[in-house]
Amino acid sequence: MIKNKNNKTITLYQALCLVMLALLFSCNEKKGRRILLKPQAVIKEENGFVAQQIMPSEKTNIVDSFFTAISQKNDFNGTVLVTVKDQIIYKKAFGYSNFKTKDTLSENSIFQLASVSKQFTAVSIMMLQEQGFLSYSDEVSKFFPDFPYKGITIKLLLSHRSGLPNYMYFCDEFYKDKHVALTNIGMINLMIKNKPPEYFPPDKKFNYCNTNYCILAAIVEKVSKVSFARYVTDRIFKPIGMHYSFIGNQDSAKYAQYVASGHDESNKPIQWDYMDGILGDKGVFSCVNDLNKWDMALYSGKIIKESTLAEAMQPANEDMIGSRNYGYGWRIKYLADKTPLFYHGGWWKGYNTYFMRNPKDHSSIIILSNKVNWSFNSITSFIPLFYNQKPTKEIETI
């Protein structure tokens, strides 16, 4: 046994693994990058956030050693929360909320979740399915009769098997008023009017595509007769107590003091984009504390039935090879001992995010960052060590 610089005990094996992980980040670091800050840990509670006890453990030391090392190398700027057996064992913030003003991050800082938002879209669909308002076998044309692509079911949208084109590419060509936010319905109307070509026929193979979850959010609006933002707020955020979470521009002014700005590699804030108006594939803003509440709520059956969630976390792509798959709103990967982990990552406008849950031991890892970092895919490389497993050879998918 040895002690790290924070006087925390770790094994020699763990220390060597952490050194190797730090070297991995060093190799990924772009040449010529300057170290612009020293990390500042902020662990206080403020302005109504509920304090939660941190339960120390050997796993705490693994996480702290890893994130302290990479933050010092300027490879991480953000917040982290980790739980084991429903207990928070680690919660810390590193760096700046705004590089220009030098405002520091706290665990209460709010981030755009990017594609981590997809799980909220998927669960909204599941709730409507449980209530009998729709079926996974329903085609998009049932809700939007002029939709020109046939055979596209809700199930294919959820599992990324639709073959539809990615709106992030065809909208640049067809949408002219780029100073005005594009909406989900506006995006669907562009598809109806211009019919950009499909990538492949429905259900031929898996292809991760943001268009799928934009359409799902539009279906939620069509069926519920309220905006997607209002539906998620009223049916998910409020019942769980996620009081510092919102979607799109809804309530953004109310939480302006908490929202961390997204930054590029040069620490410059990234500006608004007309695609920010499209929701479902992205657009949820939240903090690590609220996401921990979300994780706990999924175990409780308060939001959706356990059986519904279990179905959503089954591999939905039989043709995917290797230890990774995709369910409904969650990616799936397996540890060396075949334990399944359910997770999603995201990137959008300077935000990198990662949310993982392990039902076997009720553990979770939540990582939110507000600075572009192209080595972010390696930021979860400590997970096998965290679970005392051998690392897999597959490259992480965010």
Protein backbone atom coordinates (compact mmCIF):
# COMPACT_ATOMS: atom_id res chain seq x y z
CA MET A 1 0.00 0.00 0.00
CA ILE A 2 1.15 3.56 -0.76
CA LYS A 3 -0.28 7.01 -0.25
CA ASN A 4 -0.96 9.61 -2.92
CA LYS A 5 -0.26 13.31 -2.48
CA ASN A 6 -3.63 13.77 -0.79
CA ASN A 7 -2.54 11.20 1.82
CA LYS A 8 -5.07 8.68 0.54
CA THR A 9 -4.15 5.02 0.52
CA ILE A 10 -4.10 3.10 -2.76
CA THR A 11 -2.50 -0.17 -3.81
CA LEU A 12 0.67 -0.28 -5.87
CA TYR A 13 -1.27 -1.88 -8.73
CA GLN A 14 -3.84 0.91 -8.68
CA ALA A 15 -1.10 3.53 -8.60
CA LEU A 16 0.58 2.00 -11.65
CA CYS A 17 -2.73 1.86 -13.51
CA LEU A 18 -3.41 5.51 -12.75
CA VAL A 19 0.06 6.46 -13.99
CA MET A 20 -0.62 4.59 -17.24
CA LEU A 21 -3.97 6.36 -17.64
CA ALA A 22 -2.32 9.72 -17.06
CA LEU A 23 0.23 8.87 -19.77
CA LEU A 24 -2.64 8.01 -22.10
CA PHE A 25 -4.06 11.49 -21.67
CA SER A 26 -0.61 12.99 -22.15
CA CYS A 27 -0.33 11.23 -25.51
CA ASN A 28 -3.78 12.44 -26.53
CA GLU A 29 -3.05 16.01 -25.56
CA LYS A 30 -2.60 18.30 -28.56
CA LYS A 31 0.87 19.73 -29.01
CA GLY A 32 1.31 23.32 -28.00
CA ARG A 33 -1.63 23.46 -25.60
CA ARG A 34 -1.00 25.68 -22.61
CA ILE A 35 -2.04 24.83 -19.09
CA LEU A 36 -4.32 27.77 -18.35
CA LEU A 37 -5.67 26.94 -14.92
CA LYS A 38 -5.25 25.00 -11.78
CA PRO A 39 -8.29 23.01 -10.69
CA GLN A 40 -10.34 24.27 -7.80
CA ALA A 41 -12.47 21.78 -5.94
CA VAL A 42 -15.76 23.17 -4.72
CA ILE A 43 -17.77 20.87 -2.51
CA LYS A 44 -20.05 23.27 -0.66
CA GLU A 45 -23.82 23.33 -1.02
CA GLU A 46 -25.56 26.59 -1.84
CA ASN A 47 -28.91 28.24 -2.48
CA GLY A 48 -31.28 25.45 -1.66
CA PHE A 49 -29.38 22.43 -2.96
CA VAL A 50 -29.75 19.53 -0.55
CA ALA A 51 -26.52 18.41 1.11
CA GLN A 52 -25.72 14.73 0.78
CA GLN A 53 -23.17 12.77 2.75
CA ILE A 54 -20.05 11.65 0.91
CA MET A 55 -19.17 8.06 1.79
CA PRO A 56 -15.39 7.54 1.43
CA SER A 57 -14.03 4.30 0.04
CA GLU A 58 -11.13 2.86 -1.93
CA LYS A 59 -13.14 3.63 -5.06
CA THR A 60 -13.22 7.27 -3.97
CA ASN A 61 -9.43 7.31 -4.01
CA ILE A 62 -9.34 5.83 -7.51
CA VAL A 63 -11.71 8.47 -8.89
CA ASP A 64 -10.08 11.37 -7.05
CA SER A 65 -6.56 10.41 -8.10
CA PHE A 66 -7.66 10.09 -11.73
CA PHE A 67 -9.56 13.37 -12.03
CA THR A 68 -7.06 15.35 -9.99
CA ALA A 69 -4.29 14.19 -12.33
CA ILE A 70 -6.09 14.97 -15.58
CA SER A 71 -7.46 18.31 -14.37
CA GLN A 72 -3.94 19.43 -13.50
CA LYS A 73 -2.94 18.61 -17.06
CA ASN A 74 -5.82 20.75 -18.37
CA ASP A 75 -7.47 17.61 -19.73
CA PHE A 76 -10.61 18.13 -17.69
CA ASN A 77 -12.76 21.10 -16.71
CA GLY A 78 -16.08 20.12 -15.17
CA THR A 79 -17.94 18.31 -12.39
CA VAL A 80 -18.02 14.68 -11.30
CA LEU A 81 -20.39 12.66 -9.10
CA VAL A 82 -19.98 8.94 -8.36
CA THR A 83 -22.23 6.62 -6.36
CA VAL A 84 -21.99 3.04 -5.12
CA LYS A 85 -24.94 1.21 -3.59
CA ASP A 86 -27.01 4.40 -3.82
CA GLN A 87 -24.48 6.32 -1.72
CA ILE A 88 -22.48 9.25 -3.07
CA ILE A 89 -18.79 8.40 -2.68
CA TYR A 90 -17.36 11.28 -4.71
CA LYS A 91 -18.53 14.73 -5.76
CA LYS A 92 -16.21 17.48 -6.90
CA ALA A 93 -15.84 20.36 -9.35
CA PHE A 94 -12.71 21.33 -11.27
CA GLY A 95 -12.01 24.57 -13.11
CA TYR A 96 -14.10 27.40 -14.48
CA SER A 97 -17.73 27.96 -15.31
CA ASN A 98 -16.66 30.91 -17.43
CA PHE A 99 -13.04 31.35 -18.47
CA LYS A 100 -13.43 35.07 -19.18
CA THR A 101 -14.90 36.02 -15.79
CA LYS A 102 -12.96 33.28 -13.95
CA ASP A 103 -16.11 32.12 -12.19
CA THR A 104 -15.39 28.70 -10.74
CA LEU A 105 -17.55 25.64 -11.23
CA SER A 106 -19.41 24.03 -8.37
CA GLU A 107 -21.22 20.73 -8.12
CA ASN A 108 -24.40 22.76 -8.63
CA SER A 109 -23.27 24.14 -12.00
CA ILE A 110 -25.71 23.42 -14.82
CA PHE A 111 -24.52 21.99 -18.15
CA GLN A 112 -26.12 21.30 -21.52
CA LEU A 113 -26.29 17.49 -21.49
CA ALA A 114 -26.03 17.08 -25.27
CA SER A 115 -26.87 13.48 -26.23
CA VAL A 116 -27.28 12.40 -22.61
CA SER A 117 -30.64 14.16 -23.15
CA LYS A 118 -31.78 11.21 -25.27
CA GLN A 119 -32.66 9.08 -22.24
CA PHE A 120 -35.25 11.67 -21.16
CA THR A 121 -36.78 11.58 -24.63
CA ALA A 122 -36.87 7.78 -24.58
CA VAL A 123 -38.49 7.69 -21.14
CA SER A 124 -41.11 10.24 -22.24
CA ILE A 125 -42.05 7.88 -25.08
CA MET A 126 -42.12 4.95 -22.63
CA MET A 127 -44.49 6.82 -20.34
CA LEU A 128 -46.90 7.48 -23.20
CA GLN A 129 -46.60 3.85 -24.27
CA GLU A 130 -47.46 2.65 -20.75
CA GLN A 131 -50.51 4.92 -20.74
CA GLY A 132 -51.71 3.50 -24.07
CA PHE A 133 -51.30 6.68 -26.10
CA LEU A 134 -48.89 5.07 -28.55
CA SER A 135 -47.20 1.80 -29.43
CA TYR A 136 -43.59 1.10 -30.30
CA SER A 137 -44.90 -0.38 -33.57
CA ASP A 138 -46.61 2.88 -34.60
CA GLU A 139 -45.16 4.47 -37.72
CA VAL A 140 -44.17 8.13 -37.83
CA SER A 141 -46.78 8.68 -40.54
CA LYS A 142 -49.49 7.97 -37.96
CA PHE A 143 -48.57 11.23 -36.26
CA PHE A 144 -47.35 13.16 -39.31
CA PRO A 145 -49.36 11.88 -42.32
CA ASP A 146 -47.19 13.69 -44.89
CA PHE A 147 -43.98 12.14 -43.59
CA PRO A 148 -42.42 10.75 -46.77
CA TYR A 149 -40.43 7.83 -45.33
CA LYS A 150 -42.39 4.60 -44.98
CA GLY A 151 -41.90 1.82 -42.46
CA ILE A 152 -40.25 4.02 -39.81
CA THR A 153 -41.61 2.89 -36.43
CA ILE A 154 -41.08 4.36 -33.00
CA LYS A 155 -39.04 1.28 -32.10
CA LEU A 156 -36.66 1.91 -35.00
CA LEU A 157 -36.25 5.53 -33.92
CA LEU A 158 -35.50 4.52 -30.34
CA SER A 159 -32.88 1.96 -31.38
CA HIS A 160 -31.29 4.01 -34.22
CA ARG A 161 -32.35 1.63 -36.96
CA SER A 162 -34.46 3.99 -39.07
CA GLY A 163 -31.90 4.70 -41.79
CA LEU A 164 -33.04 8.33 -41.84
CA PRO A 165 -30.60 11.11 -42.80
CA ASN A 166 -29.01 13.20 -40.06
CA TYR A 167 -30.64 16.61 -39.78
CA MET A 168 -27.35 18.19 -38.74
CA TYR A 169 -26.23 17.77 -42.35
CA PHE A 170 -29.30 18.35 -44.52
CA CYS A 171 -30.59 21.35 -42.55
CA ASP A 172 -27.56 23.39 -43.55
CA GLU A 173 -28.61 22.94 -47.15
CA PHE A 174 -32.36 23.40 -46.86
CA TYR A 175 -32.85 25.82 -43.96
CA LYS A 176 -32.25 29.41 -45.02
CA ASP A 177 -33.17 31.55 -41.99
CA LYS A 178 -30.22 30.55 -39.84
CA HIS A 179 -30.62 33.58 -37.57
CA VAL A 180 -33.92 32.04 -36.40
CA ALA A 181 -34.01 28.90 -34.26
CA LEU A 182 -35.21 25.82 -36.10
CA THR A 183 -37.84 23.73 -34.29
CA ASN A 184 -38.56 20.01 -34.35
CA ILE A 185 -41.65 20.52 -36.45
CA GLY A 186 -39.69 22.82 -38.71
CA MET A 187 -37.10 20.09 -39.19
CA ILE A 188 -39.80 17.52 -40.02
CA ASN A 189 -41.33 19.95 -42.53
CA LEU A 190 -37.94 20.28 -44.21
CA MET A 191 -37.89 16.49 -44.57
CA ILE A 192 -41.42 16.49 -46.00
CA LYS A 193 -40.64 19.24 -48.49
CA ASN A 194 -37.16 18.21 -49.61
CA LYS A 195 -37.00 14.49 -48.81
CA PRO A 196 -33.26 14.16 -48.29
CA PRO A 197 -32.25 10.60 -49.23
CA GLU A 198 -32.29 7.82 -46.69
CA TYR A 199 -29.00 6.28 -45.67
CA PHE A 200 -30.50 2.80 -46.00
CA PRO A 201 -33.90 1.02 -45.77
CA PRO A 202 -35.59 0.78 -42.35
CA ASP A 203 -34.25 -1.82 -39.91
CA LYS A 204 -31.31 -2.80 -42.11
CA LYS A 205 -28.68 -1.91 -39.50
CA PHE A 206 -27.75 0.35 -36.60
CA ASN A 207 -26.75 3.91 -37.42
CA TYR A 208 -26.59 6.47 -34.63
CA CYS A 209 -28.62 9.43 -35.91
CA ASN A 210 -29.85 12.52 -34.05
CA THR A 211 -32.86 12.85 -36.36
CA ASN A 212 -34.45 9.83 -34.66
CA TYR A 213 -34.73 11.53 -31.28
CA CYS A 214 -35.87 14.86 -32.73
CA ILE A 215 -38.81 13.04 -34.29
CA LEU A 216 -39.51 11.20 -31.02
CA ALA A 217 -39.69 14.54 -29.17
CA ALA A 218 -42.09 15.83 -31.83
CA ILE A 219 -44.27 12.74 -31.32
CA VAL A 220 -44.33 13.45 -27.57
CA GLU A 221 -45.64 16.95 -28.37
CA LYS A 222 -48.20 15.64 -30.87
CA VAL A 223 -49.60 13.04 -28.46
CA SER A 224 -49.46 15.03 -25.21
CA LYS A 225 -50.59 18.32 -26.79
CA VAL A 226 -47.99 20.27 -24.80
CA SER A 227 -44.45 21.28 -25.67
CA PHE A 228 -41.74 18.70 -25.21
CA ALA A 229 -40.09 20.96 -22.63
CA ARG A 230 -43.31 21.27 -20.65
CA TYR A 231 -44.01 17.55 -20.79
CA VAL A 232 -40.57 16.56 -19.45
CA THR A 233 -40.66 19.30 -16.80
CA ASP A 234 -44.11 18.36 -15.49
CA ARG A 235 -43.85 14.58 -15.80
CA ILE A 236 -40.20 13.97 -14.94
CA PHE A 237 -38.29 16.91 -13.46
CA LYS A 238 -40.91 18.10 -10.96
CA PRO A 239 -41.99 14.68 -9.59
CA ILE A 240 -38.35 13.69 -9.04
CA GLY A 241 -37.35 17.03 -7.56
CA MET A 242 -34.96 17.96 -10.37
CA HIS A 243 -35.54 21.63 -9.63
CA TYR A 244 -32.39 22.83 -11.37
CA SER A 245 -33.03 21.12 -14.70
CA PHE A 246 -34.71 22.59 -17.75
CA ILE A 247 -34.95 22.14 -21.52
CA GLY A 248 -33.89 24.55 -24.23
CA ASN A 249 -34.56 28.15 -23.33
CA GLN A 250 -37.28 27.31 -20.83
CA ASP A 251 -36.37 28.83 -17.44
CA SER A 252 -32.82 29.56 -18.66
CA ALA A 253 -32.94 33.10 -17.26
CA LYS A 254 -34.04 31.75 -13.87
CA TYR A 255 -30.89 29.64 -13.61
CA ALA A 256 -28.49 31.92 -15.47
CA GLN A 257 -26.15 32.18 -12.48
CA TYR A 258 -25.69 28.40 -12.45
CA VAL A 259 -25.34 27.68 -16.19
CA ALA A 260 -21.75 26.93 -17.21
CA SER A 261 -20.76 28.37 -20.58
CA GLY A 262 -19.60 25.97 -23.28
CA HIS A 263 -16.04 26.68 -24.47
CA ASP A 264 -13.84 25.68 -27.38
CA GLU A 265 -10.25 24.44 -27.06
CA SER A 266 -9.02 28.03 -26.84
CA ASN A 267 -11.33 28.70 -23.86
CA LYS A 268 -13.58 30.94 -25.95
CA PRO A 269 -17.35 30.67 -25.42
CA ILE A 270 -19.19 28.93 -28.25
CA GLN A 271 -22.03 30.95 -29.70
CA TRP A 272 -25.70 30.08 -30.19
CA ASP A 273 -26.60 28.03 -33.26
CA TYR A 274 -29.95 27.80 -35.08
CA MET A 275 -29.93 24.04 -34.35
CA ASP A 276 -30.15 24.82 -30.62
CA GLY A 277 -33.88 25.12 -31.19
CA ILE A 278 -34.19 21.41 -31.97
CA LEU A 279 -34.78 19.25 -28.89
CA GLY A 280 -34.94 15.59 -27.98
CA ASP A 281 -31.53 14.59 -29.25
CA LYS A 282 -30.04 17.28 -26.99
CA GLY A 283 -31.30 20.35 -25.13
CA VAL A 284 -31.63 19.16 -21.52
CA PHE A 285 -29.71 21.30 -19.01
CA SER A 286 -28.93 19.78 -15.63
CA CYS A 287 -26.35 19.36 -12.85
CA VAL A 288 -24.75 16.32 -11.23
CA ASN A 289 -27.03 16.56 -8.17
CA ASP A 290 -30.19 16.44 -10.27
CA LEU A 291 -28.85 13.60 -12.42
CA ASN A 292 -28.22 11.61 -9.25
CA LYS A 293 -31.90 12.10 -8.37
CA TRP A 294 -32.80 10.88 -11.86
CA ASP A 295 -30.69 7.76 -11.37
CA MET A 296 -32.39 6.99 -8.05
CA ALA A 297 -35.84 7.58 -9.51
CA LEU A 298 -35.25 4.99 -12.24
CA TYR A 299 -34.80 2.34 -9.52
CA SER A 300 -37.95 3.39 -7.70
CA GLY A 301 -40.48 2.75 -10.47
CA LYS A 302 -41.85 6.22 -9.81
CA ILE A 303 -41.44 7.36 -13.40
CA ILE A 304 -41.82 4.17 -15.43
CA LYS A 305 -42.36 0.52 -14.54
CA GLU A 306 -39.35 -1.69 -13.89
CA SER A 307 -40.45 -3.96 -16.74
CA THR A 308 -40.62 -1.03 -19.16
CA LEU A 309 -37.15 0.13 -18.18
CA ALA A 310 -35.80 -3.41 -18.43
CA GLU A 311 -37.06 -3.64 -22.01
CA ALA A 312 -35.42 -0.32 -22.85
CA MET A 313 -32.09 -1.60 -21.58
CA GLN A 314 -32.08 -4.76 -23.67
CA PRO A 315 -29.76 -4.82 -26.69
CA ALA A 316 -31.96 -3.79 -29.63
CA ASN A 317 -29.42 -4.42 -32.38
CA GLU A 318 -28.71 -8.09 -32.97
CA ASP A 319 -26.31 -7.27 -35.80
CA MET A 320 -23.93 -5.22 -33.63
CA ILE A 321 -20.66 -7.08 -33.04
CA GLY A 322 -18.59 -6.85 -29.88
CA SER A 323 -19.29 -5.89 -26.28
CA ARG A 324 -21.37 -2.80 -27.12
CA ASN A 325 -24.98 -2.30 -28.16
CA TYR A 326 -27.84 0.20 -27.95
CA GLY A 327 -31.25 -0.09 -26.30
CA TYR A 328 -33.81 2.72 -26.08
CA GLY A 329 -31.93 5.90 -25.17
CA TRP A 330 -29.04 4.07 -23.54
CA ARG A 331 -25.88 2.59 -24.92
CA ILE A 332 -24.87 -0.77 -23.47
CA LYS A 333 -21.40 -2.12 -22.83
CA TYR A 334 -20.09 -5.07 -20.85
CA LEU A 335 -17.25 -5.36 -18.39
CA ALA A 336 -14.79 -8.23 -18.65
CA ASP A 337 -16.98 -10.28 -16.28
CA LYS A 338 -20.03 -9.62 -18.55
CA THR A 339 -21.63 -7.14 -16.16
CA PRO A 340 -23.72 -4.75 -18.32
CA LEU A 341 -23.28 -1.00 -17.94
CA PHE A 342 -25.91 1.38 -19.31
CA TYR A 343 -24.62 4.75 -20.37
CA HIS A 344 -24.66 7.64 -22.80
CA GLY A 345 -22.24 10.39 -23.66
CA GLY A 346 -22.68 13.61 -25.50
CA TRP A 347 -21.03 16.52 -27.24
CA TRP A 348 -22.57 19.83 -28.27
CA LYS A 349 -21.28 23.40 -28.41
CA GLY A 350 -18.39 23.00 -26.00
CA TYR A 351 -20.11 20.57 -23.64
CA ASN A 352 -18.89 17.00 -23.15
CA THR A 353 -21.05 14.78 -20.94
CA TYR A 354 -21.20 11.20 -19.69
CA PHE A 355 -23.76 9.36 -17.56
CA MET A 356 -23.39 5.69 -16.65
CA ARG A 357 -25.38 3.43 -14.36
CA ASN A 358 -24.73 -0.11 -13.13
CA PRO A 359 -27.88 -1.74 -11.71
CA LYS A 360 -25.86 -4.68 -10.34
CA ASP A 361 -24.42 -2.61 -7.49
CA HIS A 362 -26.51 0.56 -7.93
CA SER A 363 -23.44 2.54 -8.88
CA SER A 364 -23.30 5.49 -11.26
CA ILE A 365 -20.71 7.79 -12.79
CA ILE A 366 -21.73 11.29 -13.90
CA ILE A 367 -19.22 13.52 -15.69
CA LEU A 368 -20.13 16.97 -17.02
CA SER A 369 -17.64 19.21 -18.82
CA ASN A 370 -17.95 22.63 -20.45
CA LYS A 371 -14.82 22.68 -22.57
CA VAL A 372 -14.09 20.92 -25.86
CA ASN A 373 -11.61 18.13 -25.24
CA TRP A 374 -10.94 15.64 -28.00
CA SER A 375 -9.52 13.14 -25.52
CA PHE A 376 -12.88 12.98 -23.71
CA ASN A 377 -13.53 9.50 -25.11
CA SER A 378 -10.67 8.33 -22.89
CA ILE A 379 -12.03 9.99 -19.79
CA THR A 380 -13.84 6.81 -18.77
CA SER A 381 -10.70 4.69 -19.03
CA PHE A 382 -10.62 4.39 -15.23
CA ILE A 383 -13.92 2.46 -15.16
CA PRO A 384 -12.45 -1.07 -15.43
CA LEU A 385 -10.11 -0.24 -12.55
CA PHE A 386 -13.06 1.21 -10.62
CA TYR A 387 -14.81 -2.16 -10.92
CA ASN A 388 -11.58 -4.16 -10.40
CA GLN A 389 -11.81 -5.47 -13.97
CA LYS A 390 -9.38 -5.88 -16.83
CA PRO A 391 -9.75 -3.11 -19.43
CA THR A 392 -11.44 -4.00 -22.73
CA LYS A 393 -9.66 -3.40 -26.02
CA GLU A 394 -12.58 -1.60 -27.66
CA ILE A 395 -12.43 2.18 -28.02
CA GLU A 396 -14.93 4.05 -25.86
CA THR A 397 -17.99 5.40 -27.63
CA ILE A 398 -19.36 8.68 -26.32
